[in-house]
Amino acid sequence: MKEKVRAILERFDPITLAEMDRVELMTRTDLKYTFNISRLPELLENISGNYRSLEVAGTRMSTYQTLYYDTPGYDLYTNHQNGQLKRYKIRMRRYVESNVYFFEVKCKNNKGRTIKTRVLKKDLNNEITDSSVQLLSDSANMHPENLEPKLWVNYNRITLVNKKDDERITIDVDMNMKNENGLVDFPGLVIVEVKQERFMETAIVKMLRKMHIREGGTSKYCIAVSKLVPNLKKNNFKPDLRTIQKIINETDAA
């Protein structure tokens, strides 16, 4: 199935990292969708004329490795579980093909807007140092001594950019999550995020609706904590976990 997806992506007009600067969308609205990879070729085929496909180091399916931080008691996760409207994710991300590292603070504010800030890191050092300390203080009013690295979330990502509108699409496949307790794979799971400055009825939104794929989903970090960390409350994430398992079962059945 992945080879079929790669073949379809080659039909998209390419876009480079430098050209993507116009659609950074560091402040935006997000829509999330989850479904089985068997449906991805149909989606891509029907929107290929409307989007360009990011190409990095000769590939259109890039590898991402993300280390998430939280307090010793998982306060950031708990804020999400308890439905707190303003919440944060703190992470360090490696873009494997370009070998670039960023320390990032991602805030979901009480108006449902996502605000992401980041600084370039020199290497994959897990410590929060140098310019990352200032970013953490300015963006989240937090300090490094109150956070510790918790777990990794890794996946391959397809990035699409709308040819006309301010819209960027990320399509994540081959996801796995790991910490000291073990590793969890998600075979067949696709997570699509539609990132826009403001909501628009674009080609992908219309196609997803036509395919009867409903908007909904939760954060990768919260899924990872729910699966890998015992004895933490996860009631609010159980519906999402059931949906994900149902999607994985479609792969097993096939």
Protein backbone atom coordinates (compact mmCIF):
# COMPACT_ATOMS: atom_id res chain seq x y z
CA MET A 1 0.00 0.00 0.00
CA LYS A 2 2.83 2.42 0.83
CA GLU A 3 4.38 1.92 -2.61
CA LYS A 4 1.05 2.83 -4.18
CA VAL A 5 0.93 5.95 -2.04
CA ARG A 6 4.49 6.89 -3.05
CA ALA A 7 3.59 6.46 -6.73
CA ILE A 8 0.59 8.78 -6.40
CA LEU A 9 2.67 11.39 -4.57
CA GLU A 10 5.03 11.55 -7.55
CA ARG A 11 2.14 12.95 -9.58
CA PHE A 12 1.87 15.98 -7.28
CA ASP A 13 3.81 19.08 -8.19
CA PRO A 14 6.78 19.30 -5.77
CA ILE A 15 7.53 22.01 -3.24
CA THR A 16 10.78 22.64 -1.34
CA LEU A 17 11.31 23.52 2.31
CA ALA A 18 12.31 27.05 1.32
CA GLU A 19 9.11 27.53 -0.68
CA MET A 20 7.02 26.41 2.30
CA ASP A 21 7.90 29.52 4.29
CA ARG A 22 4.71 31.22 3.08
CA VAL A 23 2.58 28.61 4.87
CA GLU A 24 4.37 28.14 8.20
CA LEU A 25 1.01 28.74 9.94
CA MET A 26 2.53 28.94 13.41
CA THR A 27 -0.83 30.33 14.58
CA ARG A 28 -3.71 28.39 13.10
CA THR A 29 -6.77 26.21 13.40
CA ASP A 30 -6.35 22.43 13.20
CA LEU A 31 -8.69 19.70 12.00
CA LYS A 32 -7.75 16.06 12.62
CA TYR A 33 -8.89 12.89 10.89
CA THR A 34 -7.96 9.23 11.46
CA PHE A 35 -8.57 6.31 9.10
CA ASN A 36 -7.00 3.18 7.61
CA ILE A 37 -4.19 3.50 5.08
CA SER A 38 -6.25 1.51 2.56
CA ARG A 39 -8.27 4.72 2.00
CA LEU A 40 -5.30 7.01 1.51
CA PRO A 41 -4.74 6.38 -2.24
CA GLU A 42 -8.31 7.44 -3.05
CA LEU A 43 -7.90 10.63 -1.02
CA LEU A 44 -4.59 11.55 -2.64
CA GLU A 45 -5.74 10.77 -6.17
CA ASN A 46 -8.71 13.10 -5.84
CA ILE A 47 -6.79 16.11 -4.51
CA SER A 48 -3.56 15.84 -6.49
CA GLY A 49 -4.40 18.83 -8.69
CA ASN A 50 -4.97 21.13 -5.72
CA TYR A 51 -1.80 20.56 -3.69
CA ARG A 52 1.97 20.42 -3.96
CA SER A 53 3.96 17.69 -2.19
CA LEU A 54 6.99 18.49 -0.03
CA GLU A 55 10.16 16.79 -1.24
CA VAL A 56 13.23 16.57 1.02
CA ALA A 57 16.41 14.71 0.06
CA GLY A 58 14.59 12.96 -2.77
CA THR A 59 11.69 11.63 -0.70
CA ARG A 60 8.09 12.76 -0.27
CA MET A 61 7.58 10.73 2.90
CA SER A 62 9.88 12.16 5.56
CA THR A 63 10.86 10.65 8.91
CA TYR A 64 10.08 12.55 12.12
CA GLN A 65 11.36 11.70 15.60
CA THR A 66 9.80 13.63 18.51
CA LEU A 67 10.75 13.61 22.19
CA TYR A 68 8.04 14.95 24.52
CA TYR A 69 8.65 16.55 27.91
CA ASP A 70 6.34 16.76 30.89
CA THR A 71 6.50 17.34 34.63
CA PRO A 72 7.41 14.36 36.85
CA GLY A 73 3.68 13.91 37.56
CA TYR A 74 2.55 14.36 33.94
CA ASP A 75 0.79 17.66 34.58
CA LEU A 76 0.68 18.65 30.89
CA TYR A 77 -0.99 15.36 29.99
CA THR A 78 -3.38 15.66 32.95
CA ASN A 79 -4.45 19.15 31.86
CA HIS A 80 -5.52 17.67 28.54
CA GLN A 81 -7.26 14.71 30.20
CA ASN A 82 -9.16 17.08 32.51
CA GLY A 83 -10.35 19.22 29.60
CA GLN A 84 -8.39 22.34 30.44
CA LEU A 85 -8.91 24.72 27.52
CA LYS A 86 -5.42 26.25 27.51
CA ARG A 87 -2.76 23.56 27.41
CA TYR A 88 0.81 22.99 26.27
CA LYS A 89 3.02 20.41 24.67
CA ILE A 90 6.78 20.68 25.03
CA ARG A 91 8.90 18.70 22.59
CA MET A 92 12.16 18.33 20.75
CA ARG A 93 11.83 17.22 17.13
CA ARG A 94 14.31 15.78 14.66
CA TYR A 95 13.69 16.04 10.93
CA VAL A 96 15.72 13.00 9.89
CA GLU A 97 16.31 13.61 6.16
CA SER A 98 17.48 17.19 6.65
CA ASN A 99 19.13 16.33 10.02
CA VAL A 100 17.64 19.44 11.64
CA TYR A 101 16.50 19.69 15.28
CA PHE A 102 14.02 22.09 16.85
CA PHE A 103 12.87 22.66 20.42
CA GLU A 104 9.16 23.52 20.26
CA VAL A 105 6.42 24.85 22.51
CA LYS A 106 2.91 24.21 21.24
CA CYS A 107 -0.05 25.94 22.91
CA LYS A 108 -3.73 25.30 22.35
CA ASN A 109 -5.44 28.42 23.65
CA ASN A 110 -8.94 28.80 25.09
CA LYS A 111 -10.25 29.90 21.68
CA GLY A 112 -9.20 26.67 20.02
CA ARG A 113 -6.24 28.23 18.18
CA THR A 114 -2.90 26.45 17.97
CA ILE A 115 0.19 28.62 18.54
CA LYS A 116 3.59 27.03 17.91
CA THR A 117 6.96 28.59 18.66
CA ARG A 118 10.35 26.97 18.14
CA VAL A 119 14.10 27.48 18.11
CA LEU A 120 16.79 25.62 16.21
CA LYS A 121 18.92 23.19 18.22
CA LYS A 122 22.49 22.17 17.44
CA ASP A 123 22.04 18.45 18.17
CA LEU A 124 19.78 15.78 19.68
CA ASN A 125 20.79 16.57 23.26
CA ASN A 126 17.78 15.87 25.49
CA GLU A 127 18.55 18.72 27.88
CA ILE A 128 16.69 22.02 27.63
CA THR A 129 19.49 24.58 27.34
CA ASP A 130 20.54 27.86 25.71
CA SER A 131 17.83 29.52 23.56
CA SER A 132 15.36 26.73 24.43
CA VAL A 133 15.28 27.96 28.04
CA GLN A 134 14.24 31.45 26.96
CA LEU A 135 11.61 30.12 24.57
CA LEU A 136 10.14 27.91 27.31
CA SER A 137 9.92 30.88 29.67
CA ASP A 138 8.52 33.32 27.11
CA SER A 139 5.98 30.95 25.52
CA ALA A 140 4.80 28.86 28.47
CA ASN A 141 6.16 30.49 31.64
CA MET A 142 7.90 27.21 32.48
CA HIS A 143 11.42 26.33 33.59
CA PRO A 144 13.61 23.37 32.54
CA GLU A 145 14.08 22.07 36.09
CA ASN A 146 10.33 21.32 36.24
CA LEU A 147 10.34 19.15 33.11
CA GLU A 148 11.86 15.83 32.10
CA PRO A 149 11.91 13.81 28.84
CA LYS A 150 9.08 11.28 28.86
CA LEU A 151 8.65 9.40 25.59
CA TRP A 152 9.28 9.30 21.85
CA VAL A 153 6.70 9.48 19.07
CA ASN A 154 8.05 8.56 15.62
CA TYR A 155 6.35 8.40 12.22
CA ASN A 156 6.69 9.07 8.50
CA ARG A 157 5.05 12.26 7.28
CA ILE A 158 3.64 13.44 3.96
CA THR A 159 3.27 17.22 3.76
CA LEU A 160 0.99 18.89 1.22
CA VAL A 161 0.64 22.61 0.53
CA ASN A 162 -2.45 24.15 -1.05
CA LYS A 163 -1.62 25.79 -4.40
CA LYS A 164 -3.90 28.79 -3.77
CA ASP A 165 -4.95 29.08 -0.14
CA ASP A 166 -3.01 29.31 3.15
CA GLU A 167 -3.35 25.66 4.04
CA ARG A 168 -0.90 22.91 4.91
CA ILE A 169 -1.75 19.22 5.26
CA THR A 170 0.24 16.64 7.22
CA ILE A 171 -0.40 12.93 6.73
CA ASP A 172 1.31 10.66 9.25
CA VAL A 173 1.81 6.90 8.82
CA ASP A 174 3.98 4.13 10.33
CA MET A 175 3.61 5.61 13.80
CA ASN A 176 5.30 4.09 16.84
CA MET A 177 5.69 5.30 20.41
CA LYS A 178 8.21 4.23 23.02
CA ASN A 179 9.51 4.83 26.53
CA GLU A 180 11.27 2.73 29.14
CA ASN A 181 8.16 0.52 29.44
CA GLY A 182 8.26 -0.61 25.81
CA LEU A 183 7.16 0.19 22.28
CA VAL A 184 3.71 0.39 20.68
CA ASP A 185 3.10 0.24 16.91
CA PHE A 186 0.02 1.46 15.04
CA PRO A 187 -0.07 -0.52 11.77
CA GLY A 188 -2.39 0.90 9.14
CA LEU A 189 -3.24 4.05 11.08
CA VAL A 190 -3.27 7.35 9.17
CA ILE A 191 -3.53 10.68 10.98
CA VAL A 192 -4.36 13.68 8.80
CA GLU A 193 -4.12 17.22 10.14
CA VAL A 194 -5.55 20.11 8.13
CA LYS A 195 -3.82 23.34 9.19
CA GLN A 196 -5.38 26.63 8.15
CA GLU A 197 -5.24 30.26 9.23
CA ARG A 198 -9.02 30.12 9.43
CA PHE A 199 -11.44 27.35 8.48
CA MET A 200 -11.97 26.97 4.74
CA GLU A 201 -13.91 24.44 2.66
CA THR A 202 -10.87 23.30 0.71
CA ALA A 203 -10.44 20.32 -1.62
CA ILE A 204 -9.24 17.95 1.09
CA VAL A 205 -11.99 18.93 3.54
CA LYS A 206 -14.61 18.31 0.86
CA MET A 207 -13.04 15.00 -0.17
CA LEU A 208 -12.81 13.71 3.38
CA ARG A 209 -16.48 14.50 3.84
CA LYS A 210 -17.33 12.79 0.55
CA MET A 211 -15.46 9.69 1.78
CA HIS A 212 -17.47 9.82 5.05
CA ILE A 213 -14.32 10.30 7.12
CA ARG A 214 -15.32 12.35 10.13
CA GLU A 215 -13.23 15.00 11.79
CA GLY A 216 -11.98 14.03 15.22
CA GLY A 217 -8.97 12.76 17.10
CA THR A 218 -6.62 13.57 19.93
CA SER A 219 -2.94 14.35 20.30
CA LYS A 220 -0.21 11.82 19.60
CA TYR A 221 1.36 12.60 22.95
CA CYS A 222 -1.83 11.85 24.87
CA ILE A 223 -2.29 8.60 22.94
CA ALA A 224 1.29 7.65 23.78
CA VAL A 225 0.90 8.38 27.50
CA SER A 226 -2.40 6.48 27.58
CA LYS A 227 -0.77 3.42 25.99
CA LEU A 228 2.63 3.45 27.71
CA VAL A 229 2.22 4.94 31.19
CA PRO A 230 0.21 2.90 33.72
CA ASN A 231 -1.86 4.29 36.58
CA LEU A 232 -2.74 7.59 34.93
CA LYS A 233 -6.33 8.59 34.33
CA LYS A 234 -7.32 8.27 30.66
CA ASN A 235 -11.13 8.28 30.58
CA ASN A 236 -11.33 11.15 28.08
CA PHE A 237 -9.08 9.31 25.63
CA LYS A 238 -10.81 5.93 25.70
CA PRO A 239 -13.14 6.71 22.75
CA ASP A 240 -10.14 7.76 20.64
CA LEU A 241 -8.22 4.64 21.67
CA ARG A 242 -11.17 2.46 20.68
CA THR A 243 -11.40 4.21 17.31
CA ILE A 244 -7.69 3.69 16.69
CA GLN A 245 -7.93 0.01 17.58
CA LYS A 246 -10.85 -0.39 15.19
CA ILE A 247 -8.74 1.16 12.40
CA ILE A 248 -5.82 -1.16 13.21
CA ASN A 249 -8.20 -4.13 13.15
CA GLU A 250 -9.14 -3.20 9.56
CA THR A 251 -5.49 -3.76 8.63
CA ASP A 252 -5.40 -7.09 10.48
CA ALA A 253 -8.58 -8.23 8.71
CA ALA A 254 -7.16 -7.30 5.31
